Amino acid sequence: MNAQEWGLLLFLSLLWGGSFFFVGVAVKALPPFTIVAARVGIAAVLLWSTARLTGLSPRAVARHAPALALLGLINNAAPFVLIVWGQTRLASGLAAILNASTPIFTVILAHFVTTTERLTWSRFGGAALGLAGVAAMMGGDYLGADSSLWAEFAVLGAAGAYACASLYARRFRARGLAPIDIATGQVTAAALMLLPLALFVDRPWTLPAPGLAPLSAILAIGAFSTALAYVVYFRILAGAGATNVVLVTLLAPVTSIFLGAFALGERLELRHFVGLALIAGGLALIDGRVWRWLGGSAAGVRV
């Protein structure tokens, strides 16, 4: 990636790292389907209302509606619900760390479904090291009577969905869709899927009125961590590829951990940081720069 793409990646990590914090605030007052439906609904309204400024093409979105609907399902609706449900039982920082496994799943899937992002020995080693990091974080929860294991699996399921989505979204570049078209199409589809579910399952009109903090968190996650974030995401994806753009999930936990610690009083255990370190090491191998700096010759050799 070039300097501009690295800058966009860092900016995206702030937007998505903040999303775990905002969800951590919102889940104290609102149920998962309501949070996610509001998130994608706000994002869709903002993106459509600024169409003239951003160059959004309604015709392009309509022409590719079925494909964008599938992307909205696997990149928004399903992973957002899994993460929010997981955060009803997990600290925001831990959810962000588990989500950092997304590139591990991406490089494994990319080996089987692409011809340009095949596994090399360095990527294979990085994937193995990253999975060891996930196992290190979750190991203690297998023994707990009041385990949060299912919540952790839910966040890992979201990471797997993101991996599938990043590979599927590659095809939109060949179709000539601009990043703003893809972002708007997917969140609109997700909103149409989730609004009926939220009304049927959560019955939000029966809930106590949320306070200012949850409402502010919902607005922030919709405007910044979704609408703006996905425009940036698809811009990076178009230039740097699927396995590079998902490196953002390694950077996002840093933002989430600091916000969770200072604003929500969350504290993570040592094994969670050990797991993050192993995932970071795995992603460094996947990225390949470590091998080149060390003069390694096996980085580009396919498995």
Protein backbone atom coordinates (compact mmCIF):
# COMPACT_ATOMS: atom_id res chain seq x y z
CA MET A 1 0.00 0.00 0.00
CA ASN A 2 1.11 3.56 -0.64
CA ALA A 3 1.25 6.36 1.92
CA GLN A 4 -2.23 7.65 1.10
CA GLU A 5 -3.76 4.20 1.55
CA TRP A 6 -1.98 3.74 4.89
CA GLY A 7 -3.34 7.11 6.00
CA LEU A 8 -6.87 6.11 5.03
CA LEU A 9 -6.39 2.79 6.84
CA LEU A 10 -5.41 4.59 10.06
CA PHE A 11 -8.41 6.91 9.74
CA LEU A 12 -10.69 3.92 9.18
CA SER A 13 -9.27 2.22 12.27
CA LEU A 14 -10.37 5.21 14.35
CA LEU A 15 -13.87 5.11 12.86
CA TRP A 16 -14.31 1.37 13.36
CA GLY A 17 -12.50 1.22 16.68
CA GLY A 18 -14.93 3.84 17.92
CA SER A 19 -17.87 1.70 16.77
CA PHE A 20 -17.17 -0.90 19.46
CA PHE A 21 -17.14 1.85 22.08
CA PHE A 22 -20.41 3.35 20.77
CA VAL A 23 -22.04 -0.08 20.80
CA GLY A 24 -20.78 -0.58 24.36
CA VAL A 25 -22.68 2.57 25.34
CA ALA A 26 -25.83 1.76 23.36
CA VAL A 27 -26.29 -1.85 24.57
CA LYS A 28 -26.80 -0.59 28.11
CA ALA A 29 -30.17 0.84 27.05
CA LEU A 30 -31.25 -0.72 23.73
CA PRO A 31 -31.57 -4.28 22.31
CA PRO A 32 -29.36 -5.53 19.43
CA PHE A 33 -31.77 -5.44 16.46
CA THR A 34 -32.87 -1.91 17.32
CA ILE A 35 -29.26 -0.71 17.56
CA VAL A 36 -28.24 -2.25 14.26
CA ALA A 37 -31.37 -1.19 12.39
CA ALA A 38 -30.86 2.39 13.60
CA ARG A 39 -27.17 2.22 12.67
CA VAL A 40 -27.68 1.22 9.05
CA GLY A 41 -30.86 3.30 8.73
CA ILE A 42 -29.08 6.49 9.77
CA ALA A 43 -26.18 5.68 7.45
CA ALA A 44 -28.53 5.07 4.51
CA VAL A 45 -30.41 8.33 5.07
CA LEU A 46 -27.17 10.31 5.29
CA LEU A 47 -25.68 8.76 2.17
CA TRP A 48 -28.82 9.27 0.07
CA SER A 49 -29.34 12.83 1.33
CA THR A 50 -25.80 13.82 0.29
CA ALA A 51 -26.01 12.11 -3.11
CA ARG A 52 -25.49 15.30 -5.12
CA LEU A 53 -22.39 16.21 -3.15
CA THR A 54 -20.80 12.77 -3.28
CA GLY A 55 -21.64 11.82 -6.86
CA LEU A 56 -23.82 8.87 -5.86
CA SER A 57 -25.46 7.22 -8.87
CA PRO A 58 -28.97 5.92 -8.07
CA ARG A 59 -29.07 4.14 -11.42
CA ALA A 60 -25.88 2.24 -10.65
CA VAL A 61 -27.21 1.22 -7.24
CA ALA A 62 -30.52 0.05 -8.74
CA ARG A 63 -28.78 -1.82 -11.56
CA HIS A 64 -26.70 -3.84 -9.11
CA ALA A 65 -29.32 -4.10 -6.37
CA PRO A 66 -29.29 -7.93 -5.97
CA ALA A 67 -25.51 -8.07 -5.61
CA LEU A 68 -25.49 -5.11 -3.22
CA ALA A 69 -28.24 -6.76 -1.18
CA LEU A 70 -26.07 -9.85 -0.70
CA LEU A 71 -23.16 -7.62 0.29
CA GLY A 72 -25.42 -5.79 2.74
CA LEU A 73 -26.32 -9.11 4.34
CA ILE A 74 -22.79 -10.45 4.82
CA ASN A 75 -20.99 -7.15 5.39
CA ASN A 76 -23.58 -5.28 7.48
CA ALA A 77 -26.70 -7.03 8.69
CA ALA A 78 -25.28 -10.37 9.87
CA PRO A 79 -21.94 -9.22 11.37
CA PHE A 80 -23.40 -6.10 13.00
CA VAL A 81 -26.08 -8.14 14.79
CA LEU A 82 -23.55 -10.78 15.88
CA ILE A 83 -21.16 -8.16 17.26
CA VAL A 84 -23.84 -6.17 19.09
CA TRP A 85 -25.28 -9.34 20.62
CA GLY A 86 -21.75 -10.37 21.59
CA GLN A 87 -21.16 -7.01 23.25
CA THR A 88 -24.13 -7.55 25.54
CA ARG A 89 -21.78 -10.01 27.27
CA LEU A 90 -18.29 -8.82 26.30
CA ALA A 91 -16.20 -5.70 26.85
CA SER A 92 -15.88 -3.51 23.77
CA GLY A 93 -12.10 -3.97 23.69
CA LEU A 94 -12.37 -7.77 23.74
CA ALA A 95 -14.94 -7.71 20.94
CA ALA A 96 -12.58 -5.55 18.87
CA ILE A 97 -9.67 -7.92 19.51
CA LEU A 98 -11.70 -10.96 18.45
CA ASN A 99 -12.78 -9.05 15.35
CA ALA A 100 -9.09 -8.55 14.57
CA SER A 101 -9.07 -12.18 13.41
CA THR A 102 -10.84 -11.07 10.20
CA PRO A 103 -7.61 -10.93 8.11
CA ILE A 104 -6.75 -14.46 9.26
CA PHE A 105 -10.00 -15.79 7.85
CA THR A 106 -9.58 -13.60 4.77
CA VAL A 107 -6.20 -14.96 3.70
CA ILE A 108 -7.39 -18.54 4.19
CA LEU A 109 -10.53 -17.97 2.12
CA ALA A 110 -8.65 -15.94 -0.48
CA HIS A 111 -6.39 -18.91 -1.16
CA PHE A 112 -9.37 -20.96 -2.30
CA VAL A 113 -11.51 -18.37 -4.08
CA THR A 114 -8.96 -16.10 -5.83
CA THR A 115 -6.01 -16.55 -8.12
CA THR A 116 -4.17 -13.37 -7.07
CA GLU A 117 -4.08 -13.69 -3.27
CA ARG A 118 -2.88 -17.25 -2.75
CA LEU A 119 -1.32 -18.52 0.47
CA THR A 120 2.44 -18.23 0.70
CA TRP A 121 4.49 -19.74 3.51
CA SER A 122 4.57 -16.40 5.34
CA ARG A 123 0.79 -16.00 5.05
CA PHE A 124 0.26 -19.59 6.14
CA GLY A 125 2.46 -19.04 9.18
CA GLY A 126 0.71 -15.75 9.90
CA ALA A 127 -2.71 -17.39 9.76
CA ALA A 128 -1.57 -20.15 12.13
CA LEU A 129 -0.10 -17.62 14.57
CA GLY A 130 -3.28 -15.52 14.44
CA LEU A 131 -5.50 -18.52 15.14
CA ALA A 132 -3.23 -19.37 18.08
CA GLY A 133 -3.88 -15.86 19.37
CA VAL A 134 -7.64 -16.39 19.17
CA ALA A 135 -7.28 -19.70 21.01
CA ALA A 136 -5.15 -18.06 23.72
CA MET A 137 -7.82 -15.43 24.35
CA MET A 138 -10.71 -17.88 24.49
CA GLY A 139 -8.96 -20.72 26.30
CA GLY A 140 -9.95 -19.69 29.82
CA ASP A 141 -13.60 -19.31 28.89
CA TYR A 142 -13.98 -22.99 28.00
CA LEU A 143 -13.82 -23.79 31.72
CA GLY A 144 -16.03 -21.06 33.18
CA ALA A 145 -19.47 -21.87 34.53
CA ASP A 146 -20.69 -18.39 33.57
CA SER A 147 -18.84 -18.46 30.29
CA SER A 148 -19.11 -15.77 27.64
CA LEU A 149 -17.99 -18.35 25.09
CA TRP A 150 -21.05 -18.05 22.84
CA ALA A 151 -20.64 -14.29 22.71
CA GLU A 152 -17.03 -14.77 21.63
CA PHE A 153 -18.08 -17.22 18.94
CA ALA A 154 -20.64 -14.68 17.74
CA VAL A 155 -17.94 -12.04 17.24
CA LEU A 156 -15.74 -14.60 15.48
CA GLY A 157 -18.70 -15.42 13.25
CA ALA A 158 -18.89 -11.72 12.39
CA ALA A 159 -15.18 -11.77 11.54
CA GLY A 160 -15.80 -14.69 9.18
CA ALA A 161 -18.66 -12.78 7.53
CA TYR A 162 -16.43 -9.74 7.05
CA ALA A 163 -13.79 -11.95 5.43
CA CYS A 164 -16.34 -13.32 2.96
CA ALA A 165 -17.62 -9.82 2.26
CA SER A 166 -14.19 -8.33 1.57
CA LEU A 167 -13.54 -11.02 -1.04
CA TYR A 168 -17.00 -10.77 -2.57
CA ALA A 169 -16.75 -6.97 -2.78
CA ARG A 170 -13.72 -7.22 -5.08
CA ARG A 171 -16.04 -7.91 -8.03
CA PHE A 172 -17.67 -4.49 -7.79
CA ARG A 173 -14.54 -2.78 -9.05
CA ALA A 174 -14.87 -4.58 -12.39
CA ARG A 175 -18.50 -3.50 -12.58
CA GLY A 176 -17.51 0.16 -12.46
CA LEU A 177 -19.27 0.95 -9.18
CA ALA A 178 -17.82 3.86 -7.22
CA PRO A 179 -17.10 3.42 -3.47
CA ILE A 180 -20.03 5.71 -2.61
CA ASP A 181 -22.40 3.56 -4.71
CA ILE A 182 -21.31 0.35 -2.99
CA ALA A 183 -21.48 1.84 0.50
CA THR A 184 -24.94 3.29 -0.08
CA GLY A 185 -26.32 0.17 -1.73
CA GLN A 186 -25.19 -2.19 0.99
CA VAL A 187 -26.37 -0.14 3.99
CA THR A 188 -29.71 0.54 2.29
CA ALA A 189 -30.23 -3.18 1.73
CA ALA A 190 -29.21 -3.93 5.32
CA ALA A 191 -31.65 -1.31 6.63
CA LEU A 192 -34.51 -2.84 4.64
CA MET A 193 -33.64 -6.26 6.07
CA LEU A 194 -33.26 -5.21 9.68
CA LEU A 195 -36.05 -2.70 10.21
CA PRO A 196 -38.84 -5.33 10.08
CA LEU A 197 -36.81 -7.60 12.38
CA ALA A 198 -36.30 -4.83 14.91
CA LEU A 199 -40.01 -3.97 14.89
CA PHE A 200 -41.07 -7.62 15.25
CA VAL A 201 -38.46 -8.86 17.74
CA ASP A 202 -37.60 -5.84 19.89
CA ARG A 203 -40.92 -3.94 19.71
CA PRO A 204 -38.99 -0.70 20.34
CA TRP A 205 -42.11 1.34 21.07
CA THR A 206 -42.55 -0.70 24.28
CA LEU A 207 -39.04 0.06 25.57
CA PRO A 208 -38.18 2.79 28.08
CA ALA A 209 -36.98 5.99 26.42
CA PRO A 210 -33.17 5.88 26.10
CA GLY A 211 -31.05 8.65 27.54
CA LEU A 212 -28.85 11.15 25.75
CA ALA A 213 -25.73 8.93 25.84
CA PRO A 214 -27.26 5.92 24.01
CA LEU A 215 -28.93 8.18 21.45
CA SER A 216 -25.68 10.05 20.82
CA ALA A 217 -23.86 6.73 20.45
CA ILE A 218 -26.40 5.53 17.88
CA LEU A 219 -26.04 8.73 15.86
CA ALA A 220 -22.25 8.52 15.97
CA ILE A 221 -22.10 4.89 14.94
CA GLY A 222 -24.50 5.52 12.06
CA ALA A 223 -22.89 8.72 10.75
CA PHE A 224 -19.19 8.13 11.35
CA SER A 225 -18.60 4.42 11.96
CA THR A 226 -20.90 3.33 9.13
CA ALA A 227 -21.70 5.98 6.50
CA LEU A 228 -18.28 7.65 6.41
CA ALA A 229 -16.34 4.49 7.31
CA TYR A 230 -17.65 2.42 4.40
CA VAL A 231 -16.87 5.11 1.85
CA VAL A 232 -13.28 5.03 3.11
CA TYR A 233 -13.30 1.20 3.26
CA PHE A 234 -14.30 0.71 -0.37
CA ARG A 235 -11.83 3.36 -1.48
CA ILE A 236 -9.01 1.36 0.16
CA LEU A 237 -10.37 -1.95 -1.14
CA ALA A 238 -10.35 -0.67 -4.72
CA GLY A 239 -6.69 0.27 -4.54
CA ALA A 240 -5.08 -2.13 -2.07
CA GLY A 241 -7.05 -5.38 -2.21
CA ALA A 242 -8.99 -7.48 0.28
CA THR A 243 -6.14 -8.78 2.43
CA ASN A 244 -4.74 -5.27 2.92
CA VAL A 245 -7.97 -3.45 3.77
CA VAL A 246 -8.87 -5.93 6.53
CA LEU A 247 -5.62 -5.04 8.34
CA VAL A 248 -7.78 -2.26 9.82
CA THR A 249 -9.19 -4.83 12.22
CA LEU A 250 -5.77 -5.04 13.88
CA LEU A 251 -5.58 -1.30 14.42
CA ALA A 252 -9.19 -0.82 15.56
CA PRO A 253 -8.75 -2.62 18.93
CA VAL A 254 -6.25 0.02 20.06
CA THR A 255 -8.90 2.74 19.78
CA SER A 256 -11.57 0.52 21.32
CA ILE A 257 -9.42 -0.58 24.28
CA PHE A 258 -8.48 2.98 25.22
CA LEU A 259 -12.03 4.30 24.89
CA GLY A 260 -13.44 1.34 26.83
CA ALA A 261 -10.89 1.74 29.62
CA PHE A 262 -11.23 5.49 30.08
CA ALA A 263 -14.94 5.99 29.39
CA LEU A 264 -16.57 2.67 30.35
CA GLY A 265 -14.16 1.42 33.02
CA GLU A 266 -13.49 -1.83 31.14
CA ARG A 267 -10.45 -3.93 31.98
CA LEU A 268 -9.07 -6.80 29.95
CA GLU A 269 -7.12 -9.79 31.22
CA LEU A 270 -3.49 -10.52 30.38
CA ARG A 271 -4.47 -13.40 28.07
CA HIS A 272 -6.50 -11.00 25.93
CA PHE A 273 -3.41 -8.86 25.30
CA VAL A 274 -1.34 -12.00 24.67
CA GLY A 275 -3.90 -13.02 22.06
CA LEU A 276 -3.78 -9.58 20.46
CA ALA A 277 0.02 -9.76 20.32
CA LEU A 278 -0.11 -13.16 18.59
CA ILE A 279 -2.70 -11.89 16.10
CA ALA A 280 -0.51 -8.84 15.46
CA GLY A 281 2.47 -11.09 14.81
CA GLY A 282 0.41 -13.20 12.46
CA LEU A 283 -0.77 -10.18 10.52
CA ALA A 284 2.80 -8.92 10.26
CA LEU A 285 3.72 -12.20 8.57
CA ILE A 286 0.67 -12.02 6.32
CA ASP A 287 1.57 -8.49 5.27
CA GLY A 288 5.03 -9.78 4.22
CA ARG A 289 7.06 -6.71 5.12
CA VAL A 290 8.78 -8.50 8.01
CA TRP A 291 10.16 -11.12 5.63
CA ARG A 292 11.42 -8.47 3.25
CA TRP A 293 13.05 -6.47 6.03
CA LEU A 294 14.77 -9.62 7.27
CA GLY A 295 15.75 -10.64 3.78
CA GLY A 296 13.61 -13.76 3.89
CA SER A 297 13.17 -15.66 0.65
CA ALA A 298 10.17 -17.79 1.56
CA ALA A 299 7.64 -14.99 1.74
CA GLY A 300 6.55 -15.30 -1.85
CA VAL A 301 6.75 -19.09 -2.13
CA ARG A 302 3.27 -20.55 -2.40
CA VAL A 303 2.09 -23.30 -0.09
